[in-house]
Protein backbone atom coordinates (compact mmCIF):
# COMPACT_ATOMS: atom_id res chain seq x y z
CA MET A 1 169.64 -130.16 -83.12
CA PRO A 2 166.56 -131.26 -81.17
CA ALA A 3 164.70 -134.34 -82.35
CA VAL A 4 161.80 -132.24 -83.62
CA ALA A 5 164.14 -130.49 -86.08
CA GLU A 6 165.11 -133.86 -87.55
CA ASP A 7 161.45 -134.89 -87.66
CA ILE A 8 160.47 -131.77 -89.60
CA ILE A 9 163.25 -132.24 -92.16
CA VAL A 10 162.42 -135.91 -92.68
CA ALA A 11 158.69 -135.14 -93.01
CA ARG A 12 159.42 -132.42 -95.57
CA ASP A 13 161.66 -134.65 -97.67
CA ILE A 14 159.19 -137.54 -97.58
CA LEU A 15 156.31 -135.33 -98.70
CA LEU A 16 158.39 -133.82 -101.51
CA ALA A 17 159.50 -137.29 -102.65
CA GLU A 18 155.89 -138.46 -102.71
CA TYR A 19 154.71 -135.37 -104.58
CA LEU A 20 157.47 -135.55 -107.20
CA GLY A 21 157.54 -139.34 -107.47
CA VAL A 22 161.27 -139.54 -106.79
CA ARG A 23 163.51 -141.50 -104.43
CA VAL A 24 164.86 -140.02 -101.20
CA HIS A 25 167.48 -141.42 -98.83
CA ILE A 26 167.62 -140.21 -95.22
CA ALA A 27 171.17 -140.27 -93.84
CA HIS A 28 171.92 -140.87 -90.14
CA ILE A 29 168.33 -141.15 -88.93
CA SER A 30 168.19 -140.98 -85.14
CA SER A 31 164.81 -139.97 -83.72
CA LYS A 32 161.81 -142.17 -82.98
CA ARG A 33 159.34 -139.91 -84.74
CA ALA A 34 161.52 -139.66 -87.86
CA ILE A 35 161.70 -143.46 -87.99
CA ASP A 36 157.92 -143.64 -87.57
CA LEU A 37 157.56 -141.20 -90.47
CA VAL A 38 159.73 -143.37 -92.71
CA ARG A 39 157.73 -146.45 -91.73
CA TRP A 40 154.48 -144.59 -92.54
CA ALA A 41 155.86 -143.39 -95.87
CA LYS A 42 156.97 -146.87 -96.91
CA ALA A 43 153.45 -148.15 -96.22
CA ARG A 44 152.15 -145.46 -98.59
CA GLY A 45 154.55 -146.55 -101.31
CA VAL A 46 156.92 -143.59 -101.07
CA GLN A 47 160.40 -144.44 -102.37
CA VAL A 48 162.23 -143.68 -99.14
CA THR A 49 165.23 -145.45 -97.62
CA CYS A 50 167.36 -144.60 -94.62
CA GLU A 51 170.48 -145.46 -92.67
CA VAL A 52 171.71 -145.33 -89.09
CA THR A 53 175.13 -145.17 -87.45
CA PRO A 54 176.45 -147.56 -84.78
CA HIS A 55 176.75 -144.75 -82.25
CA HIS A 56 173.03 -144.07 -82.49
CA PHE A 57 172.15 -147.61 -81.42
CA CYS A 58 174.98 -147.92 -78.87
CA LEU A 59 174.85 -144.59 -77.04
CA SER A 60 172.14 -142.32 -75.66
CA HIS A 61 172.33 -138.66 -74.69
CA ASP A 62 173.46 -139.80 -71.22
CA ALA A 63 176.95 -140.12 -72.75
CA VAL A 64 177.07 -136.34 -73.23
CA ILE A 65 176.70 -135.53 -69.52
CA GLY A 66 180.45 -135.13 -69.04
CA PHE A 67 180.75 -132.87 -72.11
CA GLU A 68 183.33 -135.16 -73.68
CA THR A 69 183.76 -133.71 -77.17
CA ASN A 70 184.08 -137.17 -78.67
CA THR A 71 180.36 -137.56 -77.98
CA LYS A 72 179.53 -134.56 -80.17
CA MET A 73 178.06 -135.61 -83.49
CA ASN A 74 175.37 -134.62 -85.96
CA PRO A 75 172.63 -135.62 -85.43
CA PRO A 76 173.31 -135.64 -81.70
CA LEU A 77 172.85 -138.61 -79.40
CA ARG A 78 169.19 -139.07 -78.51
CA ALA A 79 167.08 -140.35 -75.60
CA GLY A 80 166.76 -144.00 -74.69
CA ASP A 81 163.37 -144.24 -76.44
CA ASP A 82 165.02 -143.09 -79.66
CA VAL A 83 167.75 -145.71 -79.30
CA ASP A 84 165.09 -148.39 -78.86
CA ALA A 85 163.28 -147.07 -81.95
CA VAL A 86 166.47 -147.29 -83.99
CA ILE A 87 166.88 -150.95 -83.06
CA ALA A 88 163.21 -151.64 -83.85
CA GLY A 89 163.68 -149.93 -87.21
CA LEU A 90 166.63 -152.16 -88.00
CA GLN A 91 164.63 -155.22 -87.02
CA ASP A 92 161.62 -154.51 -89.25
CA ASN A 93 163.80 -153.13 -92.08
CA THR A 94 162.43 -149.61 -91.87
CA ILE A 95 166.15 -148.82 -91.62
CA GLU A 96 167.92 -150.69 -94.41
CA VAL A 97 171.53 -149.60 -93.89
CA ILE A 98 174.12 -149.31 -91.13
CA ALA A 99 176.74 -146.69 -92.09
CA THR A 100 179.89 -145.89 -90.12
CA ASP A 101 179.69 -142.08 -90.44
CA HIS A 102 183.51 -142.10 -90.20
CA ALA A 103 184.43 -138.48 -89.41
CA PRO A 104 188.08 -138.02 -88.34
CA HIS A 105 189.15 -134.90 -86.47
CA SER A 106 192.50 -134.04 -84.96
CA SER A 107 193.08 -133.91 -81.20
CA GLU A 108 193.66 -130.17 -81.51
CA GLU A 109 190.21 -129.74 -83.01
CA LYS A 110 188.49 -131.82 -80.35
CA ASN A 111 190.44 -130.63 -77.27
CA VAL A 112 188.36 -127.47 -76.89
CA GLU A 113 185.13 -126.48 -75.17
CA TYR A 114 182.18 -128.66 -76.16
CA GLY A 115 180.38 -125.91 -78.05
CA ALA A 116 183.48 -125.06 -80.09
CA ALA A 117 184.36 -128.64 -81.03
CA PRO A 118 183.51 -129.96 -84.50
CA PHE A 119 180.84 -132.60 -84.97
CA GLY A 120 181.83 -136.18 -85.75
CA ILE A 121 183.62 -139.28 -84.50
CA LEU A 122 185.60 -142.15 -85.95
CA GLY A 123 183.34 -144.99 -87.04
CA LEU A 124 185.21 -147.40 -89.26
CA GLU A 125 187.46 -149.32 -86.85
CA THR A 126 184.80 -149.98 -84.21
CA ALA A 127 181.80 -150.58 -86.50
CA LEU A 128 181.96 -154.37 -86.72
CA GLY A 129 182.58 -154.88 -83.01
CA LEU A 130 179.67 -152.61 -82.09
CA ILE A 131 177.31 -154.32 -84.53
CA ILE A 132 178.25 -157.81 -83.33
CA SER A 133 178.27 -156.89 -79.62
CA ARG A 134 175.16 -154.70 -79.48
CA LEU A 135 172.94 -156.28 -82.13
CA VAL A 136 173.98 -159.81 -83.10
CA LEU A 137 175.07 -161.32 -79.77
CA THR A 138 172.08 -159.75 -78.01
CA LYS A 139 169.77 -161.49 -80.53
CA LYS A 140 168.39 -158.17 -81.73
CA LEU A 141 169.52 -158.76 -85.30
CA ALA A 142 170.58 -161.91 -87.12
CA LEU A 143 174.16 -161.98 -88.37
CA ALA A 144 173.07 -162.40 -91.99
CA LYS A 145 170.75 -159.40 -91.71
CA ALA A 146 173.48 -157.28 -90.10
CA VAL A 147 175.92 -158.16 -92.90
CA GLU A 148 173.27 -157.33 -95.50
CA LYS A 149 172.79 -153.88 -93.99
CA VAL A 150 176.46 -152.96 -94.45
CA THR A 151 177.09 -154.68 -97.79
CA VAL A 152 174.12 -155.61 -99.97
CA ALA A 153 171.59 -152.92 -99.04
CA PRO A 154 173.84 -149.90 -99.73
CA ARG A 155 174.65 -151.18 -103.22
CA ARG A 156 170.97 -151.87 -103.88
CA ILE A 157 169.98 -148.35 -102.85
CA LEU A 158 172.76 -146.83 -104.96
CA GLN A 159 171.72 -149.11 -107.84
CA LEU A 160 175.20 -150.62 -108.11
CA PRO A 161 175.93 -154.20 -109.24
CA GLN A 162 176.01 -156.59 -106.31
CA ALA A 163 179.36 -158.13 -105.33
CA GLN A 164 179.44 -161.90 -105.73
CA ILE A 165 181.69 -164.65 -104.41
CA LYS A 166 181.99 -166.37 -107.75
CA GLU A 167 184.75 -167.69 -109.99
CA GLY A 168 185.93 -165.01 -112.37
CA ARG A 169 184.52 -162.12 -110.33
CA PRO A 170 186.75 -159.60 -108.49
CA ALA A 171 187.38 -160.63 -104.88
CA ASN A 172 186.40 -157.98 -102.37
CA LEU A 173 186.25 -159.77 -99.04
CA THR A 174 186.31 -158.89 -95.36
CA LEU A 175 187.08 -161.80 -93.03
CA PHE A 176 186.02 -161.50 -89.42
CA SER A 177 185.34 -163.44 -86.25
CA ILE A 178 182.14 -163.07 -84.26
CA GLU A 179 183.81 -164.59 -81.20
CA LYS A 180 187.04 -162.61 -80.89
CA LYS A 181 187.00 -160.34 -77.83
CA TRP A 182 189.07 -157.15 -77.85
CA VAL A 183 189.36 -153.84 -76.05
CA VAL A 184 189.13 -150.61 -78.03
CA ASP A 185 192.45 -148.79 -77.74
CA LYS A 186 192.46 -145.59 -79.75
CA ALA A 187 196.26 -145.46 -79.57
CA LYS A 188 196.32 -148.49 -81.88
CA PHE A 189 193.95 -147.09 -84.49
CA TYR A 190 195.16 -147.03 -88.07
CA SER A 191 193.37 -143.74 -88.52
CA LYS A 192 195.51 -140.69 -87.87
CA SER A 193 192.71 -139.43 -85.64
CA ARG A 194 191.67 -140.62 -82.19
CA ASN A 195 188.21 -139.09 -81.78
CA THR A 196 186.18 -142.04 -80.50
CA PRO A 197 183.79 -142.27 -77.55
CA PHE A 198 184.38 -146.03 -77.38
CA ASP A 199 187.96 -146.03 -76.08
CA GLY A 200 188.26 -148.74 -73.42
CA TRP A 201 185.11 -150.59 -74.44
CA GLN A 202 185.32 -154.37 -74.57
CA LEU A 203 183.78 -155.62 -77.79
CA THR A 204 183.24 -158.98 -79.42
CA GLY A 205 183.71 -159.33 -83.17
CA GLN A 206 186.82 -158.27 -85.02
CA VAL A 207 188.09 -158.10 -88.59
CA PHE A 208 191.19 -160.22 -89.11
CA GLY A 209 191.79 -159.65 -92.80
CA VAL A 210 190.72 -157.87 -95.97
CA TYR A 211 191.24 -158.99 -99.55
CA ASN A 212 190.68 -156.26 -102.12
CA LYS A 213 192.06 -155.50 -105.59
CA SER A 214 194.25 -158.62 -105.50
CA ARG A 215 195.90 -157.55 -102.25
CA TRP A 216 195.66 -159.05 -98.76
CA TRP A 217 195.78 -157.05 -95.54
CA ALA A 218 195.97 -158.89 -92.22
CA ASN A 219 195.15 -157.44 -88.81
CA PRO A 220 198.35 -157.81 -86.74
CA ASP A 221 196.37 -157.45 -83.51
CA TYR A 222 194.13 -160.43 -84.21
């Protein structure tokens, strides 16, 4: 899908939302012009929100040159200017949410010609490391703002009660280090799938434990 196709869809949805007076959420925004459209719409008072995936601020279309099927996703990877626009959108809060877009596929599905392969990559197990490495440690986004974009903002957009660290409230916690260095090894993924373009990347920032529904899970690799 060329960038102009995304731009047209986003423009259409924004205009319809403005006309009808309803909310619209744009998933997986990736093009500079689409981000500019959202920024313009917000200034007009349109109830529009949007999200981006880690792969759209970590990779450009240069990653597709080798036709590695683990770089095939929807929307596709964009040009460097689009990547820069995504980061700028995160910085000025045009883009409120970072979403993993976790899309597992089996090796059999992905080990085919590029055109025949399904869209999508794993996103969950590398998300934190990519956010810390590519946004926080490079001073492009403050840690508190990055955390907000994956925790508070999604619940606000979905109009769900906000989680609180407070006596008497359910504990739903993710504990992580922003200093831990690790190398992505898809063979160690907990997911049954291995479709990641980040295999072999050295990242900083790793989850070492999760507490949820009165249960504790520890990362044995930490």
